[in-house]
Amino acid sequence: MKRDDISYWKMTREFMRKHPGTAPGNPIPSIKTDLNKLDNDEPVVVWFGHSSYFIRINSKNFLIDPVFSGNAAPVSFMVKAFPGADAYKAEDMPAIDYLILTHDHYDHLDFKTIRKLQGKTGRIICSLGISAHLEYWGVPGQKITELEWWQAVSLDNDMEMIAAPARHFSGRGVKRGQTLWSSYILKTPTHRLYLGGDSGYDVHFKEIGDKYGPFDLAILECGQYNTMWPLIHMMPEQTVQAAIDLQAKALMPVHWAKFKLGLHPWNEPVRRLIAEMERLKREDPTIQNSSDTLPAVVTPKIGEPVIINGGYCSTPWWEGLDS
């Protein structure tokens, strides 16, 4: 979880210091999309900030790691969403065919959201052990499918979901390691998507890319990193390398722009990621001679629909919010 030469006391002291720019100076912009009226023919992703997003593909609705209660902690006054970043609520969600849960941290598994979504959710797919939380909260066990790494489950319309490794940890409160953490591969007859969850960088990305790639879109964490805990969260430059390892055609960076869980400026993750892409284009002659070597970077506003393989257009909406 941390470097061997870093103590928990040092980490605590760093969190108690005031680090500049960790929250935006102005509200996060968003687009309010009616998720019930998305075009059924085009596969689409809608990001809700941090690691919560909606996918409509092959006539089915997927919702990944929804956190809509306004905070990402066991008590409501801690880790509150940035102003403007909490534009979507559980009530805005359409009927969900598949609710996907990568791990049980508060910024990925939210009690209030799960309770509100229960009546409109058909099936829940989660990492090994998470059903204990869900059933304790009143979710019927027959709705839940737990997966261990490399396990697969068949979905409707000839789709398949495979759980894959990630380098992270789990735990709520003081208990850790009671449940598994995972990334997921979503295979449809026409597309392959990588749903990354949280992970430090390691060889598993190349292993997954060699086994299941290329991917039309990789949705990867990019935020809440620090040199004190480099094993459980990637630096933005490593996020780029992970997308390359996965053989992704496009990369959507998530795990930023909603909650302050790290010590870096709030918009540094996306700035560093884009700078690394530009550096690779300048310095790698093989990339200069091949326009399709690097993945396209997809940076939508919260709520902005992104058509998969639809000609990605990204604008730096995060600039100017600190003035």
Protein backbone atom coordinates (compact mmCIF):
# COMPACT_ATOMS: atom_id res chain seq x y z
CA MET A 1 0.00 0.00 0.00
CA LYS A 2 2.89 2.39 0.62
CA ARG A 3 6.63 2.62 0.13
CA ASP A 4 8.62 0.78 2.80
CA ASP A 5 10.45 3.98 3.77
CA ILE A 6 7.22 5.94 4.36
CA SER A 7 5.51 5.76 7.75
CA TYR A 8 1.80 6.16 8.35
CA TRP A 9 2.68 9.08 10.64
CA LYS A 10 4.39 10.88 7.75
CA MET A 11 1.37 10.26 5.52
CA THR A 12 -0.93 11.61 8.23
CA ARG A 13 1.20 14.76 8.62
CA GLU A 14 1.08 15.37 4.87
CA PHE A 15 -2.70 15.09 4.82
CA MET A 16 -2.94 17.61 7.68
CA ARG A 17 -0.94 20.19 5.71
CA LYS A 18 -2.76 22.56 3.39
CA HIS A 19 -1.82 21.77 -0.20
CA PRO A 20 -2.74 24.46 -2.75
CA GLY A 21 -5.10 23.82 -5.62
CA THR A 22 -6.53 20.53 -4.41
CA ALA A 23 -10.05 21.82 -5.12
CA PRO A 24 -11.28 24.02 -8.00
CA GLY A 25 -11.96 27.67 -7.34
CA ASN A 26 -15.19 27.62 -9.36
CA PRO A 27 -17.93 25.02 -9.86
CA ILE A 28 -17.20 22.06 -12.13
CA PRO A 29 -19.19 22.41 -15.39
CA SER A 30 -21.57 19.64 -16.38
CA ILE A 31 -24.14 18.72 -19.01
CA LYS A 32 -27.50 17.32 -17.93
CA THR A 33 -28.28 14.44 -20.26
CA ASP A 34 -31.56 12.53 -20.19
CA LEU A 35 -30.19 9.01 -19.92
CA ASN A 36 -33.57 7.56 -20.89
CA LYS A 37 -33.33 9.14 -24.35
CA LEU A 38 -29.89 8.03 -25.51
CA ASP A 39 -29.74 6.63 -29.04
CA ASN A 40 -30.13 2.86 -28.81
CA ASP A 41 -28.02 2.22 -31.91
CA GLU A 42 -24.79 3.89 -30.82
CA PRO A 43 -22.68 2.60 -27.90
CA VAL A 44 -22.25 5.52 -25.50
CA VAL A 45 -20.46 6.35 -22.25
CA VAL A 46 -21.53 9.10 -19.82
CA TRP A 47 -19.14 10.05 -17.00
CA PHE A 48 -20.46 11.39 -13.68
CA GLY A 49 -17.14 12.48 -12.18
CA HIS A 50 -14.55 10.43 -10.28
CA SER A 51 -15.07 6.73 -11.18
CA SER A 52 -18.84 6.65 -11.73
CA TYR A 53 -20.06 6.23 -15.29
CA PHE A 54 -22.91 4.86 -17.39
CA ILE A 55 -22.57 2.74 -20.51
CA ARG A 56 -25.35 1.94 -22.95
CA ILE A 57 -24.23 -0.75 -25.38
CA ASN A 58 -25.95 -3.56 -27.25
CA SER A 59 -29.34 -2.30 -25.98
CA LYS A 60 -28.34 -2.73 -22.32
CA ASN A 61 -27.60 -0.23 -19.54
CA PHE A 62 -24.48 -0.62 -17.39
CA LEU A 63 -23.65 1.54 -14.35
CA ILE A 64 -20.17 1.36 -12.85
CA ASP A 65 -19.21 2.30 -9.26
CA PRO A 66 -22.01 4.85 -8.71
CA VAL A 67 -21.48 7.38 -5.90
CA PHE A 68 -24.34 9.90 -5.91
CA SER A 69 -24.73 10.81 -2.23
CA GLY A 70 -22.48 13.89 -2.40
CA ASN A 71 -19.56 12.50 -0.41
CA ALA A 72 -17.14 9.57 -0.42
CA ALA A 73 -16.69 8.74 3.27
CA PRO A 74 -18.55 7.00 6.09
CA VAL A 75 -19.86 10.36 7.36
CA SER A 76 -21.52 13.03 5.22
CA PHE A 77 -19.30 15.97 6.22
CA MET A 78 -16.10 14.31 4.98
CA VAL A 79 -14.76 14.05 1.38
CA LYS A 80 -17.57 16.12 -0.08
CA ALA A 81 -17.99 16.44 -3.84
CA PHE A 82 -16.61 19.59 -5.46
CA PRO A 83 -19.29 22.21 -6.21
CA GLY A 84 -20.93 21.35 -9.53
CA ALA A 85 -19.47 17.83 -9.66
CA ASP A 86 -22.49 16.21 -8.03
CA ALA A 87 -24.92 17.08 -10.80
CA TYR A 88 -26.31 13.56 -11.09
CA LYS A 89 -28.29 11.61 -8.50
CA ALA A 90 -29.61 8.09 -8.27
CA GLU A 91 -33.00 9.44 -9.32
CA ASP A 92 -31.52 10.46 -12.70
CA MET A 93 -30.60 6.89 -13.60
CA PRO A 94 -32.75 4.86 -15.97
CA ALA A 95 -33.42 1.17 -15.35
CA ILE A 96 -30.01 -0.49 -14.94
CA ASP A 97 -29.52 -3.95 -16.44
CA TYR A 98 -26.06 -4.44 -14.91
CA LEU A 99 -24.57 -2.62 -11.92
CA ILE A 100 -20.79 -3.19 -11.83
CA LEU A 101 -18.77 -2.78 -8.61
CA THR A 102 -14.96 -2.90 -8.76
CA HIS A 103 -14.19 -2.75 -5.01
CA ASP A 104 -15.60 -1.63 -1.69
CA HIS A 105 -13.90 1.72 -0.98
CA TYR A 106 -16.29 4.55 -0.15
CA ASP A 107 -15.52 6.41 -3.38
CA HIS A 108 -16.66 3.35 -5.38
CA LEU A 109 -19.29 1.65 -3.22
CA ASP A 110 -21.83 4.02 -1.68
CA PHE A 111 -24.48 2.74 0.73
CA LYS A 112 -27.06 5.47 0.07
CA THR A 113 -26.72 5.14 -3.70
CA ILE A 114 -27.04 1.35 -3.64
CA ARG A 115 -30.18 1.56 -1.52
CA LYS A 116 -31.78 4.06 -3.90
CA LEU A 117 -30.84 2.10 -7.02
CA GLN A 118 -31.92 -1.30 -5.74
CA GLY A 119 -35.44 -1.11 -7.16
CA LYS A 120 -34.27 -0.20 -10.67
CA THR A 121 -31.30 -2.57 -10.88
CA GLY A 122 -31.61 -5.95 -12.56
CA ARG A 123 -28.29 -7.63 -11.77
CA ILE A 124 -25.17 -6.73 -9.81
CA ILE A 125 -21.71 -7.99 -10.79
CA CYS A 126 -19.02 -7.41 -8.19
CA SER A 127 -15.66 -8.53 -6.86
CA LEU A 128 -15.43 -11.54 -4.55
CA GLY A 129 -16.76 -10.78 -1.06
CA ILE A 130 -18.71 -7.60 -1.82
CA SER A 131 -22.02 -9.45 -1.63
CA ALA A 132 -21.62 -9.44 2.16
CA HIS A 133 -21.99 -5.64 2.14
CA LEU A 134 -24.85 -5.70 -0.34
CA GLU A 135 -26.91 -8.38 1.39
CA TYR A 136 -26.41 -6.65 4.75
CA TRP A 137 -27.87 -3.53 3.10
CA GLY A 138 -30.92 -5.48 1.92
CA VAL A 139 -29.99 -6.42 -1.66
CA PRO A 140 -31.43 -9.86 -2.53
CA GLY A 141 -28.68 -12.41 -2.98
CA GLN A 142 -30.16 -13.72 -6.23
CA LYS A 143 -29.38 -10.38 -7.88
CA ILE A 144 -25.66 -10.63 -7.15
CA THR A 145 -22.90 -12.37 -9.11
CA GLU A 146 -19.43 -12.35 -7.54
CA LEU A 147 -16.37 -12.87 -9.71
CA GLU A 148 -12.79 -13.78 -8.91
CA TRP A 149 -9.96 -12.71 -11.24
CA TRP A 150 -10.23 -14.32 -14.68
CA GLN A 151 -13.75 -15.58 -14.01
CA ALA A 152 -16.29 -14.77 -16.73
CA VAL A 153 -20.06 -14.50 -16.76
CA SER A 154 -22.36 -14.50 -19.78
CA LEU A 155 -24.71 -11.54 -20.17
CA ASP A 156 -27.74 -10.94 -22.37
CA ASN A 157 -27.38 -10.22 -26.09
CA ASP A 158 -24.23 -12.35 -26.52
CA MET A 159 -22.14 -10.20 -24.15
CA GLU A 160 -19.59 -11.36 -21.60
CA MET A 161 -18.03 -9.80 -18.50
CA ILE A 162 -14.63 -10.97 -17.28
CA ALA A 163 -13.06 -9.94 -13.96
CA ALA A 164 -9.35 -9.19 -14.27
CA PRO A 165 -6.48 -8.32 -11.90
CA ALA A 166 -5.75 -4.90 -10.45
CA ARG A 167 -3.06 -3.73 -8.03
CA HIS A 168 -4.97 -2.12 -5.21
CA PHE A 169 -6.56 -3.02 -1.84
CA SER A 170 -9.98 -3.05 -0.21
CA GLY A 171 -11.64 -2.12 3.05
CA ARG A 172 -14.23 0.05 4.77
CA GLY A 173 -13.56 1.58 8.17
CA VAL A 174 -10.57 -0.03 9.90
CA LYS A 175 -10.90 -3.46 8.25
CA ARG A 176 -8.87 -4.15 5.13
CA GLY A 177 -8.54 -7.05 2.74
CA GLN A 178 -11.95 -8.58 3.47
CA THR A 179 -13.00 -8.42 -0.20
CA LEU A 180 -11.34 -8.55 -3.61
CA TRP A 181 -10.73 -5.64 -6.01
CA SER A 182 -10.96 -6.04 -9.77
CA SER A 183 -10.93 -4.52 -13.18
CA TYR A 184 -13.37 -5.78 -15.83
CA ILE A 185 -13.44 -6.59 -19.52
CA LEU A 186 -16.77 -6.10 -21.28
CA LYS A 187 -17.01 -8.05 -24.53
CA THR A 188 -19.88 -7.53 -26.95
CA PRO A 189 -20.27 -8.89 -30.49
CA THR A 190 -18.86 -5.60 -31.82
CA HIS A 191 -16.80 -3.96 -29.05
CA ARG A 192 -14.33 -4.57 -26.24
CA LEU A 193 -14.16 -2.19 -23.28
CA TYR A 194 -11.74 -2.16 -20.36
CA LEU A 195 -13.24 -0.93 -17.07
CA GLY A 196 -10.20 -0.30 -14.94
CA GLY A 197 -11.37 0.41 -11.38
CA ASP A 198 -8.39 1.43 -9.22
CA SER A 199 -4.90 0.06 -9.77
CA GLY A 200 -1.23 0.80 -9.49
CA TYR A 201 0.83 0.18 -12.60
CA ASP A 202 2.22 -3.31 -13.15
CA VAL A 203 2.57 -6.13 -15.67
CA HIS A 204 -1.11 -7.10 -15.49
CA PHE A 205 -2.05 -4.40 -18.01
CA LYS A 206 0.11 -6.00 -20.70
CA GLU A 207 -1.16 -9.44 -19.74
CA ILE A 208 -4.76 -8.29 -20.13
CA GLY A 209 -3.96 -6.49 -23.40
CA ASP A 210 -2.25 -9.57 -24.85
CA LYS A 211 -5.12 -11.82 -23.77
CA TYR A 212 -8.16 -9.67 -24.56
CA GLY A 213 -7.02 -6.63 -26.56
CA PRO A 214 -7.19 -4.54 -28.54
CA PHE A 215 -9.81 -2.49 -26.71
CA ASP A 216 -12.05 0.12 -28.30
CA LEU A 217 -11.93 2.11 -25.05
CA ALA A 218 -9.98 1.83 -21.81
CA ILE A 219 -11.42 3.70 -18.82
CA LEU A 220 -8.49 4.09 -16.42
CA GLU A 221 -7.87 5.81 -13.11
CA CYS A 222 -5.88 9.05 -13.27
CA GLY A 223 -5.86 10.82 -9.94
CA GLN A 224 -5.37 10.55 -6.17
CA TYR A 225 -1.77 9.39 -6.72
CA ASN A 226 1.31 10.20 -4.66
CA THR A 227 4.93 9.06 -4.46
CA MET A 228 4.14 7.85 -0.92
CA TRP A 229 1.69 5.24 -2.23
CA PRO A 230 2.91 4.43 -5.77
CA LEU A 231 1.85 0.79 -5.65
CA ILE A 232 -1.92 1.31 -5.43
CA HIS A 233 -2.53 4.30 -7.73
CA MET A 234 -0.87 5.16 -11.03
CA MET A 235 0.91 8.36 -11.87
CA PRO A 236 -0.68 9.99 -14.96
CA GLU A 237 2.30 8.98 -17.10
CA GLN A 238 1.74 5.38 -16.05
CA THR A 239 -1.91 5.66 -17.01
CA VAL A 240 -0.77 6.44 -20.55
CA GLN A 241 1.53 3.41 -20.51
CA ALA A 242 -1.26 1.20 -19.15
CA ALA A 243 -3.50 2.22 -22.07
CA ILE A 244 -0.68 1.39 -24.49
CA ASP A 245 -0.16 -1.97 -22.78
CA LEU A 246 -3.87 -2.69 -23.11
CA GLN A 247 -3.72 -1.89 -26.84
CA ALA A 248 -6.49 0.65 -26.35
CA LYS A 249 -7.74 2.73 -29.26
CA ALA A 250 -9.00 5.40 -26.85
CA LEU A 251 -8.35 6.32 -23.22
CA MET A 252 -10.81 7.98 -20.86
CA PRO A 253 -9.10 9.11 -17.63
CA VAL A 254 -11.32 8.94 -14.54
CA HIS A 255 -10.88 9.01 -10.74
CA TRP A 256 -10.52 12.81 -10.72
CA ALA A 257 -12.59 16.06 -10.79
CA LYS A 258 -15.06 15.20 -8.04
CA PHE A 259 -13.41 14.33 -4.71
CA LYS A 260 -10.22 15.39 -2.95
CA LEU A 261 -8.59 12.12 -1.94
CA GLY A 262 -4.98 12.96 -2.82
CA LEU A 263 -2.63 15.89 -2.29
CA HIS A 264 -2.07 17.04 -5.87
CA PRO A 265 -3.84 19.98 -7.59
CA TRP A 266 -7.29 18.82 -8.67
CA ASN A 267 -6.69 19.17 -12.43
CA GLU A 268 -3.05 18.07 -12.45
CA PRO A 269 -3.93 14.46 -13.43
CA VAL A 270 -5.40 15.31 -16.82
CA ARG A 271 -2.76 17.95 -17.53
CA ARG A 272 0.07 15.49 -16.86
CA LEU A 273 -1.61 12.75 -18.88
CA ILE A 274 -2.02 14.97 -21.94
CA ALA A 275 1.54 16.28 -21.56
CA GLU A 276 2.83 12.69 -21.55
CA MET A 277 0.89 11.90 -24.72
CA GLU A 278 2.40 14.95 -26.40
CA ARG A 279 5.89 14.01 -25.22
CA LEU A 280 5.57 10.53 -26.69
CA LYS A 281 4.41 11.94 -30.00
CA ARG A 282 7.41 14.30 -30.13
CA GLU A 283 10.13 11.94 -28.95
CA ASP A 284 9.20 8.49 -30.25
CA PRO A 285 9.93 8.21 -34.00
CA THR A 286 7.75 5.12 -34.37
CA ILE A 287 4.80 7.08 -33.02
CA GLN A 288 5.56 10.04 -35.30
CA ASN A 289 5.32 7.72 -38.28
CA SER A 290 2.15 5.96 -37.13
CA SER A 291 -0.91 8.00 -36.21
CA ASP A 292 -2.69 5.04 -34.61
CA THR A 293 0.02 3.91 -32.15
CA LEU A 294 -1.17 6.06 -29.25
CA PRO A 295 -4.75 5.97 -27.97
CA ALA A 296 -6.97 8.99 -28.42
CA VAL A 297 -7.57 10.86 -25.15
CA VAL A 298 -11.24 11.35 -24.28
CA THR A 299 -11.99 14.04 -21.67
CA PRO A 300 -15.74 14.76 -21.58
CA LYS A 301 -17.48 17.08 -19.20
CA ILE A 302 -19.53 15.43 -16.49
CA GLY A 303 -22.72 14.22 -18.16
CA GLU A 304 -21.49 14.65 -21.73
CA PRO A 305 -22.29 11.60 -23.90
CA VAL A 306 -19.29 10.01 -25.63
CA ILE A 307 -19.98 7.78 -28.63
CA ILE A 308 -17.54 4.86 -28.61
CA ASN A 309 -15.49 4.89 -31.83
CA GLY A 310 -17.47 7.93 -32.86
CA GLY A 311 -14.68 10.40 -33.56
CA TYR A 312 -13.60 11.71 -30.16
CA CYS A 313 -13.50 15.44 -29.56
CA SER A 314 -12.07 16.66 -26.24
CA THR A 315 -11.93 20.23 -24.95
CA PRO A 316 -9.88 21.42 -21.92
CA TRP A 317 -12.95 22.35 -19.88
CA TRP A 318 -10.88 22.16 -16.65
CA GLU A 319 -8.81 25.23 -17.55
CA GLY A 320 -9.74 28.58 -16.00
CA LEU A 321 -11.72 27.17 -13.07
CA ASP A 322 -9.12 28.28 -10.53
CA SER A 323 -9.24 31.99 -11.42
